[in-house]
Amino acid sequence: MELLVCIVKNHRHVEDILTGFLDVGIRGATVLDARGMGQVIATSIPIFAGFKSMFAAGGASTYMILSVLEDEMVSKAVRVVEEATGDFDKPGTGFLFTAPVSLVRGMAKEIK
């Protein structure tokens, strides 16, 4: 199994990704509100507030989508994300990665 971690800046992309996941048979994901380094520095550390423009999309909302997937579902999930977001070449768009998962507990059988 693999853990898919996807960071996106646009809430519409989140909606498109989740509905796309359902379309390809992915039934479980968690969405978290997140803040990137630029957002934290620009809003929480006053001395750095002037550097806000140096960080891509420093003030925009950020969303983290997490999903544990069977290996054969990873390429489908990545395709859904890329269809929703376009490519991640533009700074501040987001990014994704996967990591191996060796143990899962508490995942519903219909999701596995």
PDB file of N, CA and C in Angstrom:
ATOM      1  N   MET A   1       0.840  -1.176   0.000  1.00  0.00           N
ATOM      2  CA  MET A   1       0.000   0.000   0.000  1.00  0.00           C
ATOM      3  C   MET A   1       0.888   1.242   0.000  1.00  0.00           C
ATOM      4  N   GLU A   2       0.294   2.342  -0.415  1.00  0.00           N
ATOM      5  CA  GLU A   2       1.005   3.617  -0.506  1.00  0.00           C
ATOM      6  C   GLU A   2       0.170   4.713   0.154  1.00  0.00           C
ATOM      7  N   LEU A   3       0.860   5.656   0.762  1.00  0.00           N
ATOM      8  CA  LEU A   3       0.226   6.859   1.271  1.00  0.00           C
ATOM      9  C   LEU A   3       0.409   7.941   0.217  1.00  0.00           C
ATOM     10  N   LEU A   4      -0.695   8.471  -0.294  1.00  0.00           N
ATOM     11  CA  LEU A   4      -0.656   9.593  -1.221  1.00  0.00           C
ATOM     12  C   LEU A   4      -0.828  10.865  -0.405  1.00  0.00           C
ATOM     13  N   VAL A   5       0.096  11.796  -0.568  1.00  0.00           N
ATOM     14  CA  VAL A   5       0.017  13.105   0.071  1.00  0.00           C
ATOM     15  C   VAL A   5      -0.025  14.129  -1.047  1.00  0.00           C
ATOM     16  N   CYS A   6      -1.075  14.913  -1.059  1.00  0.00           N
ATOM     17  CA  CYS A   6      -1.249  15.916  -2.101  1.00  0.00           C
ATOM     18  C   CYS A   6      -1.529  17.260  -1.433  1.00  0.00           C
ATOM     19  N   ILE A   7      -0.742  18.257  -1.777  1.00  0.00           N
ATOM     20  CA  ILE A   7      -0.903  19.607  -1.243  1.00  0.00           C
ATOM     21  C   ILE A   7      -1.393  20.485  -2.392  1.00  0.00           C
ATOM     22  N   VAL A   8      -2.541  21.137  -2.203  1.00  0.00           N
ATOM     23  CA  VAL A   8      -3.075  22.033  -3.241  1.00  0.00           C
ATOM     24  C   VAL A   8      -3.489  23.355  -2.622  1.00  0.00           C
ATOM     25  N   LYS A   9      -3.480  24.389  -3.431  1.00  0.00           N
ATOM     26  CA  LYS A   9      -3.791  25.744  -2.967  1.00  0.00           C
ATOM     27  C   LYS A   9      -5.223  26.168  -3.289  1.00  0.00           C
ATOM     28  N   ASN A  10      -5.909  25.452  -4.148  1.00  0.00           N
ATOM     29  CA  ASN A  10      -7.206  25.884  -4.647  1.00  0.00           C
ATOM     30  C   ASN A  10      -8.301  24.945  -4.144  1.00  0.00           C
ATOM     31  N   HIS A  11      -9.299  25.499  -3.450  1.00  0.00           N
ATOM     32  CA  HIS A  11     -10.364  24.653  -2.897  1.00  0.00           C
ATOM     33  C   HIS A  11     -11.161  23.955  -3.989  1.00  0.00           C
ATOM     34  N   ARG A  12     -11.255  24.556  -5.168  1.00  0.00           N
ATOM     35  CA  ARG A  12     -11.967  23.898  -6.275  1.00  0.00           C
ATOM     36  C   ARG A  12     -11.224  22.646  -6.713  1.00  0.00           C
ATOM     37  N   HIS A  13      -9.904  22.689  -6.647  1.00  0.00           N
ATOM     38  CA  HIS A  13      -9.117  21.502  -6.980  1.00  0.00           C
ATOM     39  C   HIS A  13      -9.418  20.376  -5.995  1.00  0.00           C
ATOM     40  N   VAL A  14      -9.583  20.720  -4.723  1.00  0.00           N
ATOM     41  CA  VAL A  14      -9.900  19.708  -3.709  1.00  0.00           C
ATOM     42  C   VAL A  14     -11.213  19.019  -4.064  1.00  0.00           C
ATOM     43  N   GLU A  15     -12.226  19.794  -4.385  1.00  0.00           N
ATOM     44  CA  GLU A  15     -13.530  19.223  -4.758  1.00  0.00           C
ATOM     45  C   GLU A  15     -13.402  18.320  -5.978  1.00  0.00           C
ATOM     46  N   ASP A  16     -12.669  18.788  -6.999  1.00  0.00           N
ATOM     47  CA  ASP A  16     -12.486  17.988  -8.213  1.00  0.00           C
ATOM     48  C   ASP A  16     -11.717  16.703  -7.933  1.00  0.00           C
ATOM     49  N   ILE A  17     -10.719  16.784  -7.082  1.00  0.00           N
ATOM     50  CA  ILE A  17      -9.924  15.606  -6.737  1.00  0.00           C
ATOM     51  C   ILE A  17     -10.790  14.584  -6.007  1.00  0.00           C
ATOM     52  N   LEU A  18     -11.553  15.024  -5.026  1.00  0.00           N
ATOM     53  CA  LEU A  18     -12.365  14.081  -4.256  1.00  0.00           C
ATOM     54  C   LEU A  18     -13.444  13.431  -5.114  1.00  0.00           C
ATOM     55  N   THR A  19     -14.107  14.190  -5.976  1.00  0.00           N
ATOM     56  CA  THR A  19     -15.112  13.570  -6.848  1.00  0.00           C
ATOM     57  C   THR A  19     -14.434  12.657  -7.868  1.00  0.00           C
ATOM     58  N   GLY A  20     -13.236  13.045  -8.329  1.00  0.00           N
ATOM     59  CA  GLY A  20     -12.477  12.169  -9.232  1.00  0.00           C
ATOM     60  C   GLY A  20     -12.072  10.873  -8.559  1.00  0.00           C
ATOM     61  N   PHE A  21     -11.678  10.967  -7.286  1.00  0.00           N
ATOM     62  CA  PHE A  21     -11.352   9.755  -6.532  1.00  0.00           C
ATOM     63  C   PHE A  21     -12.548   8.810  -6.502  1.00  0.00           C
ATOM     64  N   LEU A  22     -13.726   9.336  -6.214  1.00  0.00           N
ATOM     65  CA  LEU A  22     -14.925   8.492  -6.191  1.00  0.00           C
ATOM     66  C   LEU A  22     -15.161   7.845  -7.549  1.00  0.00           C
ATOM     67  N   ASP A  23     -14.956   8.605  -8.622  1.00  0.00           N
ATOM     68  CA  ASP A  23     -15.167   8.083  -9.976  1.00  0.00           C
ATOM     69  C   ASP A  23     -14.265   6.898 -10.308  1.00  0.00           C
ATOM     70  N   VAL A  24     -13.027   6.893  -9.758  1.00  0.00           N
ATOM     71  CA  VAL A  24     -12.098   5.790 -10.059  1.00  0.00           C
ATOM     72  C   VAL A  24     -12.114   4.705  -8.985  1.00  0.00           C
ATOM     73  N   GLY A  25     -12.986   4.846  -7.983  1.00  0.00           N
ATOM     74  CA  GLY A  25     -13.123   3.795  -6.975  1.00  0.00           C
ATOM     75  C   GLY A  25     -12.357   4.018  -5.687  1.00  0.00           C
ATOM     76  N   ILE A  26     -11.813   5.203  -5.489  1.00  0.00           N
ATOM     77  CA  ILE A  26     -11.138   5.511  -4.224  1.00  0.00           C
ATOM     78  C   ILE A  26     -12.179   6.053  -3.266  1.00  0.00           C
ATOM     79  N   ARG A  27     -12.374   5.365  -2.159  1.00  0.00           N
ATOM     80  CA  ARG A  27     -13.477   5.676  -1.248  1.00  0.00           C
ATOM     81  C   ARG A  27     -13.044   6.347   0.048  1.00  0.00           C
ATOM     82  N   GLY A  28     -11.757   6.565   0.225  1.00  0.00           N
ATOM     83  CA  GLY A  28     -11.320   7.158   1.480  1.00  0.00           C
ATOM     84  C   GLY A  28     -10.188   8.152   1.288  1.00  0.00           C
ATOM     85  N   ALA A  29     -10.357   9.327   1.865  1.00  0.00           N
ATOM     86  CA  ALA A  29      -9.312  10.354   1.872  1.00  0.00           C
ATOM     87  C   ALA A  29      -9.610  11.293   3.027  1.00  0.00           C
ATOM     88  N   THR A  30      -8.587  11.943   3.513  1.00  0.00           N
ATOM     89  CA  THR A  30      -8.727  12.954   4.566  1.00  0.00           C
ATOM     90  C   THR A  30      -8.203  14.264   4.018  1.00  0.00           C
ATOM     91  N   VAL A  31      -8.943  15.334   4.265  1.00  0.00           N
ATOM     92  CA  VAL A  31      -8.532  16.667   3.830  1.00  0.00           C
ATOM     93  C   VAL A  31      -8.271  17.513   5.065  1.00  0.00           C
ATOM     94  N   LEU A  32      -7.084  18.098   5.118  1.00  0.00           N
ATOM     95  CA  LEU A  32      -6.692  18.948   6.241  1.00  0.00           C
ATOM     96  C   LEU A  32      -6.391  20.353   5.737  1.00  0.00           C
ATOM     97  N   ASP A  33      -6.770  21.358   6.523  1.00  0.00           N
ATOM     98  CA  ASP A  33      -6.306  22.711   6.253  1.00  0.00           C
ATOM     99  C   ASP A  33      -4.853  22.764   6.697  1.00  0.00           C
ATOM    100  N   ALA A  34      -4.021  23.400   5.913  1.00  0.00           N
ATOM    101  CA  ALA A  34      -2.592  23.433   6.223  1.00  0.00           C
ATOM    102  C   ALA A  34      -2.058  24.832   5.953  1.00  0.00           C
ATOM    103  N   ARG A  35      -0.884  25.089   6.487  1.00  0.00           N
ATOM    104  CA  ARG A  35      -0.187  26.352   6.224  1.00  0.00           C
ATOM    105  C   ARG A  35       1.244  26.033   5.839  1.00  0.00           C
ATOM    106  N   GLY A  36       1.670  26.621   4.746  1.00  0.00           N
ATOM    107  CA  GLY A  36       3.038  26.430   4.299  1.00  0.00           C
ATOM    108  C   GLY A  36       3.986  27.364   5.026  1.00  0.00           C
ATOM    109  N   MET A  37       5.254  27.141   4.808  1.00  0.00           N
ATOM    110  CA  MET A  37       6.293  27.932   5.462  1.00  0.00           C
ATOM    111  C   MET A  37       6.100  29.433   5.225  1.00  0.00           C
ATOM    112  N   GLY A  38       5.831  29.803   3.975  1.00  0.00           N
ATOM    113  CA  GLY A  38       5.631  31.210   3.657  1.00  0.00           C
ATOM    114  C   GLY A  38       4.456  31.810   4.398  1.00  0.00           C
ATOM    115  N   GLN A  39       3.381  31.035   4.531  1.00  0.00           N
ATOM    116  CA  GLN A  39       2.205  31.524   5.243  1.00  0.00           C
ATOM    117  C   GLN A  39       2.510  31.748   6.718  1.00  0.00           C
ATOM    118  N   VAL A  40       3.242  30.843   7.317  1.00  0.00           N
ATOM    119  CA  VAL A  40       3.576  30.973   8.739  1.00  0.00           C
ATOM    120  C   VAL A  40       4.505  32.158   8.957  1.00  0.00           C
ATOM    121  N   ILE A  41       5.541  32.234   8.156  1.00  0.00           N
ATOM    122  CA  ILE A  41       6.510  33.318   8.325  1.00  0.00           C
ATOM    123  C   ILE A  41       5.855  34.679   8.117  1.00  0.00           C
ATOM    124  N   ALA A  42       5.041  34.792   7.081  1.00  0.00           N
ATOM    125  CA  ALA A  42       4.456  36.091   6.743  1.00  0.00           C
ATOM    126  C   ALA A  42       3.385  36.539   7.731  1.00  0.00           C
ATOM    127  N   THR A  43       2.741  35.606   8.418  1.00  0.00           N
ATOM    128  CA  THR A  43       1.644  35.994   9.306  1.00  0.00           C
ATOM    129  C   THR A  43       1.962  35.845  10.782  1.00  0.00           C
ATOM    130  N   SER A  44       2.876  34.990  11.139  1.00  0.00           N
ATOM    131  CA  SER A  44       3.116  34.701  12.550  1.00  0.00           C
ATOM    132  C   SER A  44       4.415  35.277  13.093  1.00  0.00           C
ATOM    133  N   ILE A  45       5.313  35.628  12.225  1.00  0.00           N
ATOM    134  CA  ILE A  45       6.604  36.141  12.671  1.00  0.00           C
ATOM    135  C   ILE A  45       6.742  37.562  12.106  1.00  0.00           C
ATOM    136  N   PRO A  46       6.367  38.573  12.897  1.00  0.00           N
ATOM    137  CA  PRO A  46       6.285  39.944  12.393  1.00  0.00           C
ATOM    138  C   PRO A  46       7.534  40.447  11.684  1.00  0.00           C
ATOM    139  N   ILE A  47       8.692  40.062  12.140  1.00  0.00           N
ATOM    140  CA  ILE A  47       9.925  40.569  11.526  1.00  0.00           C
ATOM    141  C   ILE A  47      10.043  40.142  10.061  1.00  0.00           C
ATOM    142  N   PHE A  48       9.377  39.029   9.688  1.00  0.00           N
ATOM    143  CA  PHE A  48       9.446  38.524   8.318  1.00  0.00           C
ATOM    144  C   PHE A  48       8.248  38.923   7.469  1.00  0.00           C
ATOM    145  N   ALA A  49       7.305  39.665   8.009  1.00  0.00           N
ATOM    146  CA  ALA A  49       6.087  40.018   7.265  1.00  0.00           C
ATOM    147  C   ALA A  49       6.407  40.702   5.938  1.00  0.00           C
ATOM    148  N   GLY A  50       7.476  41.466   5.889  1.00  0.00           N
ATOM    149  CA  GLY A  50       7.866  42.138   4.653  1.00  0.00           C
ATOM    150  C   GLY A  50       8.321  41.203   3.557  1.00  0.00           C
ATOM    151  N   PHE A  51       8.651  39.973   3.913  1.00  0.00           N
ATOM    152  CA  PHE A  51       9.109  38.991   2.926  1.00  0.00           C
ATOM    153  C   PHE A  51       7.964  38.194   2.301  1.00  0.00           C
ATOM    154  N   LYS A  52       6.722  38.533   2.641  1.00  0.00           N
ATOM    155  CA  LYS A  52       5.558  37.773   2.189  1.00  0.00           C
ATOM    156  C   LYS A  52       5.557  37.563   0.671  1.00  0.00           C
ATOM    157  N   SER A  53       5.941  38.587  -0.071  1.00  0.00           N
ATOM    158  CA  SER A  53       5.914  38.483  -1.527  1.00  0.00           C
ATOM    159  C   SER A  53       6.944  37.501  -2.078  1.00  0.00           C
ATOM    160  N   MET A  54       7.922  37.117  -1.279  1.00  0.00           N
ATOM    161  CA  MET A  54       8.953  36.180  -1.735  1.00  0.00           C
ATOM    162  C   MET A  54       8.444  34.742  -1.799  1.00  0.00           C
ATOM    163  N   PHE A  55       7.361  34.460  -1.070  1.00  0.00           N
ATOM    164  CA  PHE A  55       6.838  33.104  -1.019  1.00  0.00           C
ATOM    165  C   PHE A  55       5.626  32.993  -1.934  1.00  0.00           C
ATOM    166  N   ALA A  56       5.609  31.953  -2.784  1.00  0.00           N
ATOM    167  CA  ALA A  56       4.509  31.757  -3.713  1.00  0.00           C
ATOM    168  C   ALA A  56       3.208  31.556  -2.953  1.00  0.00           C
ATOM    169  N   ALA A  57       2.181  32.295  -3.356  1.00  0.00           N
ATOM    170  CA  ALA A  57       0.837  32.176  -2.773  1.00  0.00           C
ATOM    171  C   ALA A  57       0.884  32.236  -1.259  1.00  0.00           C
ATOM    172  N   GLY A  58       1.665  33.145  -0.729  1.00  0.00           N
ATOM    173  CA  GLY A  58       1.873  33.232   0.709  1.00  0.00           C
ATOM    174  C   GLY A  58       0.617  33.360   1.529  1.00  0.00           C
ATOM    175  N   GLY A  59      -0.435  33.995   1.015  1.00  0.00           N
ATOM    176  CA  GLY A  59      -1.630  34.195   1.814  1.00  0.00           C
ATOM    177  C   GLY A  59      -2.765  33.248   1.479  1.00  0.00           C
ATOM    178  N   ALA A  60      -2.614  32.444   0.460  1.00  0.00           N
ATOM    179  CA  ALA A  60      -3.699  31.577   0.020  1.00  0.00           C
ATOM    180  C   ALA A  60      -3.889  30.399   0.958  1.00  0.00           C
ATOM    181  N   SER A  61      -5.113  29.866   0.957  1.00  0.00           N
ATOM    182  CA  SER A  61      -5.382  28.662   1.733  1.00  0.00           C
ATOM    183  C   SER A  61      -4.637  27.486   1.122  1.00  0.00           C
ATOM    184  N   THR A  62      -4.296  26.540   1.965  1.00  0.00           N
ATOM    185  CA  THR A  62      -3.607  25.336   1.524  1.00  0.00           C
ATOM    186  C   THR A  62      -4.365  24.140   2.070  1.00  0.00           C
ATOM    187  N   TYR A  63      -4.469  23.104   1.266  1.00  0.00           N
ATOM    188  CA  TYR A  63      -5.180  21.891   1.659  1.00  0.00           C
ATOM    189  C   TYR A  63      -4.280  20.687   1.457  1.00  0.00           C
ATOM    190  N   MET A  64      -4.306  19.783   2.417  1.00  0.00           N
ATOM    191  CA  MET A  64      -3.540  18.548   2.331  1.00  0.00           C
ATOM    192  C   MET A  64      -4.536  17.396   2.225  1.00  0.00           C
ATOM    193  N   ILE A  65      -4.396  16.617   1.166  1.00  0.00           N
ATOM    194  CA  ILE A  65      -5.246  15.446   0.949  1.00  0.00           C
ATOM    195  C   ILE A  65      -4.385  14.216   1.193  1.00  0.00           C
ATOM    196  N   LEU A  66      -4.844  13.354   2.082  1.00  0.00           N
ATOM    197  CA  LEU A  66      -4.136  12.118   2.429  1.00  0.00           C
ATOM    198  C   LEU A  66      -5.024  10.931   2.080  1.00  0.00           C
ATOM    199  N   SER A  67      -4.441   9.920   1.482  1.00  0.00           N
ATOM    200  CA  SER A  67      -5.200   8.707   1.194  1.00  0.00           C
ATOM    201  C   SER A  67      -4.253   7.510   1.168  1.00  0.00           C
ATOM    202  N   VAL A  68      -4.626   6.455   1.856  1.00  0.00           N
ATOM    203  CA  VAL A  68      -3.882   5.195   1.813  1.00  0.00           C
ATOM    204  C   VAL A  68      -4.506   4.357   0.700  1.00  0.00           C
ATOM    205  N   LEU A  69      -3.674   3.960  -0.245  1.00  0.00           N
ATOM    206  CA  LEU A  69      -4.158   3.306  -1.458  1.00  0.00           C
ATOM    207  C   LEU A  69      -3.476   1.974  -1.696  1.00  0.00           C
ATOM    208  N   GLU A  70      -4.226   1.058  -2.276  1.00  0.00           N
ATOM    209  CA  GLU A  70      -3.615  -0.155  -2.812  1.00  0.00           C
ATOM    210  C   GLU A  70      -2.669   0.275  -3.936  1.00  0.00           C
ATOM    211  N   ASP A  71      -1.592  -0.449  -4.135  1.00  0.00           N
ATOM    212  CA  ASP A  71      -0.576  -0.070  -5.117  1.00  0.00           C
ATOM    213  C   ASP A  71      -1.165   0.195  -6.503  1.00  0.00           C
ATOM    214  N   GLU A  72      -2.117  -0.624  -6.924  1.00  0.00           N
ATOM    215  CA  GLU A  72      -2.671  -0.478  -8.274  1.00  0.00           C
ATOM    216  C   GLU A  72      -3.554   0.764  -8.425  1.00  0.00           C
ATOM    217  N   MET A  73      -3.920   1.409  -7.325  1.00  0.00           N
ATOM    218  CA  MET A  73      -4.749   2.608  -7.385  1.00  0.00           C
ATOM    219  C   MET A  73      -3.931   3.901  -7.448  1.00  0.00           C
ATOM    220  N   VAL A  74      -2.640   3.811  -7.183  1.00  0.00           N
ATOM    221  CA  VAL A  74      -1.805   5.016  -7.110  1.00  0.00           C
ATOM    222  C   VAL A  74      -1.793   5.767  -8.439  1.00  0.00           C
ATOM    223  N   SER A  75      -1.582   5.077  -9.541  1.00  0.00           N
ATOM    224  CA  SER A  75      -1.524   5.761 -10.843  1.00  0.00           C
ATOM    225  C   SER A  75      -2.867   6.412 -11.174  1.00  0.00           C
ATOM    226  N   LYS A  76      -3.968   5.771 -10.802  1.00  0.00           N
ATOM    227  CA  LYS A  76      -5.292   6.367 -11.028  1.00  0.00           C
ATOM    228  C   LYS A  76      -5.454   7.642 -10.202  1.00  0.00           C
ATOM    229  N   ALA A  77      -5.011   7.590  -8.960  1.00  0.00           N
ATOM    230  CA  ALA A  77      -5.121   8.756  -8.088  1.00  0.00           C
ATOM    231  C   ALA A  77      -4.280   9.910  -8.607  1.00  0.00           C
ATOM    232  N   VAL A  78      -3.063   9.620  -9.036  1.00  0.00           N
ATOM    233  CA  VAL A  78      -2.184  10.664  -9.563  1.00  0.00           C
ATOM    234  C   VAL A  78      -2.793  11.279 -10.817  1.00  0.00           C
ATOM    235  N   ARG A  79      -3.368  10.450 -11.674  1.00  0.00           N
ATOM    236  CA  ARG A  79      -4.025  10.950 -12.883  1.00  0.00           C
ATOM    237  C   ARG A  79      -5.180  11.895 -12.526  1.00  0.00           C
ATOM    238  N   VAL A  80      -5.986  11.521 -11.520  1.00  0.00           N
ATOM    239  CA  VAL A  80      -7.090  12.373 -11.068  1.00  0.00           C
ATOM    240  C   VAL A  80      -6.557  13.728 -10.595  1.00  0.00           C
ATOM    241  N   VAL A  81      -5.514  13.694  -9.776  1.00  0.00           N
ATOM    242  CA  VAL A  81      -4.936  14.939  -9.252  1.00  0.00           C
ATOM    243  C   VAL A  81      -4.423  15.806 -10.387  1.00  0.00           C
ATOM    244  N   GLU A  82      -3.695  15.222 -11.315  1.00  0.00           N
ATOM    245  CA  GLU A  82      -3.142  15.995 -12.424  1.00  0.00           C
ATOM    246  C   GLU A  82      -4.233  16.551 -13.333  1.00  0.00           C
ATOM    247  N   GLU A  83      -5.318  15.803 -13.514  1.00  0.00           N
ATOM    248  CA  GLU A  83      -6.434  16.321 -14.307  1.00  0.00           C
ATOM    249  C   GLU A  83      -7.101  17.500 -13.609  1.00  0.00           C
ATOM    250  N   ALA A  84      -7.165  17.456 -12.289  1.00  0.00           N
ATOM    251  CA  ALA A  84      -7.817  18.530 -11.529  1.00  0.00           C
ATOM    252  C   ALA A  84      -6.951  19.772 -11.423  1.00  0.00           C
ATOM    253  N   THR A  85      -5.660  19.596 -11.284  1.00  0.00           N
ATOM    254  CA  THR A  85      -4.777  20.728 -10.985  1.00  0.00           C
ATOM    255  C   THR A  85      -3.958  21.201 -12.175  1.00  0.00           C
ATOM    256  N   GLY A  86      -3.901  20.430 -13.232  1.00  0.00           N
ATOM    257  CA  GLY A  86      -2.922  20.701 -14.274  1.00  0.00           C
ATOM    258  C   GLY A  86      -1.593  20.193 -13.756  1.00  0.00           C
ATOM    259  N   ASP A  87      -0.503  20.793 -14.200  1.00  0.00           N
ATOM    260  CA  ASP A  87       0.776  20.349 -13.669  1.00  0.00           C
ATOM    261  C   ASP A  87       1.149  21.205 -12.465  1.00  0.00           C
ATOM    262  N   PHE A  88       2.121  20.770 -11.735  1.00  0.00           N
ATOM    263  CA  PHE A  88       2.569  21.495 -10.549  1.00  0.00           C
ATOM    264  C   PHE A  88       3.824  22.318 -10.862  1.00  0.00           C
ATOM    265  N   ASP A  89       4.044  22.627 -12.137  1.00  0.00           N
ATOM    266  CA  ASP A  89       5.231  23.385 -12.523  1.00  0.00           C
ATOM    267  C   ASP A  89       5.166  24.848 -12.095  1.00  0.00           C
ATOM    268  N   LYS A  90       3.954  25.394 -11.997  1.00  0.00           N
ATOM    269  CA  LYS A  90       3.801  26.796 -11.603  1.00  0.00           C
ATOM    270  C   LYS A  90       4.004  26.915 -10.087  1.00  0.00           C
ATOM    271  N   PRO A  91       4.889  27.800  -9.647  1.00  0.00           N
ATOM    272  CA  PRO A  91       5.140  27.956  -8.205  1.00  0.00           C
ATOM    273  C   PRO A  91       3.855  28.261  -7.432  1.00  0.00           C
ATOM    274  N   GLY A  92       3.726  27.636  -6.274  1.00  0.00           N
ATOM    275  CA  GLY A  92       2.584  27.879  -5.417  1.00  0.00           C
ATOM    276  C   GLY A  92       1.347  27.069  -5.752  1.00  0.00           C
ATOM    277  N   THR A  93       1.427  26.199  -6.782  1.00  0.00           N
ATOM    278  CA  THR A  93       0.273  25.384  -7.163  1.00  0.00           C
ATOM    279  C   THR A  93       0.056  24.250  -6.172  1.00  0.00           C
ATOM    280  N   GLY A  94       1.128  23.605  -5.782  1.00  0.00           N
ATOM    281  CA  GLY A  94       1.059  22.476  -4.874  1.00  0.00           C
ATOM    282  C   GLY A  94       2.043  21.406  -5.290  1.00  0.00           C
ATOM    283  N   PHE A  95       1.919  20.245  -4.676  1.00  0.00           N
ATOM    284  CA  PHE A  95       2.759  19.110  -5.041  1.00  0.00           C
ATOM    285  C   PHE A  95       2.140  17.836  -4.495  1.00  0.00           C
ATOM    286  N   LEU A  96       2.670  16.711  -4.938  1.00  0.00           N
ATOM    287  CA  LEU A  96       2.215  15.428  -4.402  1.00  0.00           C
ATOM    288  C   LEU A  96       3.376  14.464  -4.331  1.00  0.00           C
ATOM    289  N   PHE A  97       3.232  13.489  -3.432  1.00  0.00           N
ATOM    290  CA  PHE A  97       4.198  12.404  -3.344  1.00  0.00           C
ATOM    291  C   PHE A  97       3.498  11.206  -2.721  1.00  0.00           C
ATOM    292  N   THR A  98       4.134  10.049  -2.865  1.00  0.00           N
ATOM    293  CA  THR A  98       3.653   8.846  -2.206  1.00  0.00           C
ATOM    294  C   THR A  98       4.774   8.284  -1.347  1.00  0.00           C
ATOM    295  N   ALA A  99       4.371   7.514  -0.352  1.00  0.00           N
ATOM    296  CA  ALA A  99       5.328   6.837   0.524  1.00  0.00           C
ATOM    297  C   ALA A  99       4.779   5.455   0.839  1.00  0.00           C
ATOM    298  N   PRO A 100       5.644   4.454   0.947  1.00  0.00           N
ATOM    299  CA  PRO A 100       5.170   3.111   1.259  1.00  0.00           C
ATOM    300  C   PRO A 100       4.548   3.044   2.644  1.00  0.00           C
ATOM    301  N   VAL A 101       3.513   2.220   2.748  1.00  0.00           N
ATOM    302  CA  VAL A 101       2.821   1.990   4.022  1.00  0.00           C
ATOM    303  C   VAL A 101       2.955   0.509   4.344  1.00  0.00           C
ATOM    304  N   SER A 102       3.508   0.206   5.495  1.00  0.00           N
ATOM    305  CA  SER A 102       3.711  -1.203   5.837  1.00  0.00           C
ATOM    306  C   SER A 102       2.638  -1.754   6.771  1.00  0.00           C
ATOM    307  N   LEU A 103       1.865  -0.880   7.405  1.00  0.00           N
ATOM    308  CA  LEU A 103       0.849  -1.343   8.348  1.00  0.00           C
ATOM    309  C   LEU A 103      -0.335  -0.406   8.319  1.00  0.00           C
ATOM    310  N   VAL A 104      -1.535  -0.978   8.260  1.00  0.00           N
ATOM    311  CA  VAL A 104      -2.770  -0.185   8.295  1.00  0.00           C
ATOM    312  C   VAL A 104      -3.725  -0.844   9.270  1.00  0.00           C
ATOM    313  N   ARG A 105      -4.284  -0.051  10.170  1.00  0.00           N
ATOM    314  CA  ARG A 105      -5.330  -0.509  11.094  1.00  0.00           C
ATOM    315  C   ARG A 105      -6.463   0.496  11.057  1.00  0.00           C
ATOM    316  N   GLY A 106      -7.678   0.025  11.177  1.00  0.00           N
ATOM    317  CA  GLY A 106      -8.827   0.910  11.250  1.00  0.00           C
ATOM    318  C   GLY A 106      -9.392   1.335   9.908  1.00  0.00           C
ATOM    319  N   MET A 107      -8.886   0.772   8.841  1.00  0.00           N
ATOM    320  CA  MET A 107      -9.397   1.107   7.512  1.00  0.00           C
ATOM    321  C   MET A 107     -10.552   0.181   7.179  1.00  0.00           C
ATOM    322  N   ALA A 108     -11.681   0.750   6.806  1.00  0.00           N
ATOM    323  CA  ALA A 108     -12.873  -0.055   6.503  1.00  0.00           C
ATOM    324  C   ALA A 108     -12.576  -1.041   5.371  1.00  0.00           C
ATOM    325  N   LYS A 109     -13.124  -2.233   5.486  1.00  0.00           N
ATOM    326  CA  LYS A 109     -12.878  -3.257   4.469  1.00  0.00           C
ATOM    327  C   LYS A 109     -13.331  -2.816   3.082  1.00  0.00           C
ATOM    328  N   GLU A 110     -14.432  -2.058   2.993  1.00  0.00           N
ATOM    329  CA  GLU A 110     -14.905  -1.617   1.682  1.00  0.00           C
ATOM    330  C   GLU A 110     -13.963  -0.581   1.072  1.00  0.00           C
ATOM    331  N   ILE A 111     -13.147   0.100   1.903  1.00  0.00           N
ATOM    332  CA  ILE A 111     -12.173   1.044   1.384  1.00  0.00           C
ATOM    333  C   ILE A 111     -10.916   0.309   0.964  1.00  0.00           C
ATOM    334  N   LYS A 112     -10.508  -0.706   1.740  1.00  0.00           N
ATOM    335  CA  LYS A 112      -9.326  -1.507   1.385  1.00  0.00           C
ATOM    336  C   LYS A 112      -9.592  -2.210   0.070  1.00  0.00           C
TER     337      LYS A 112
END
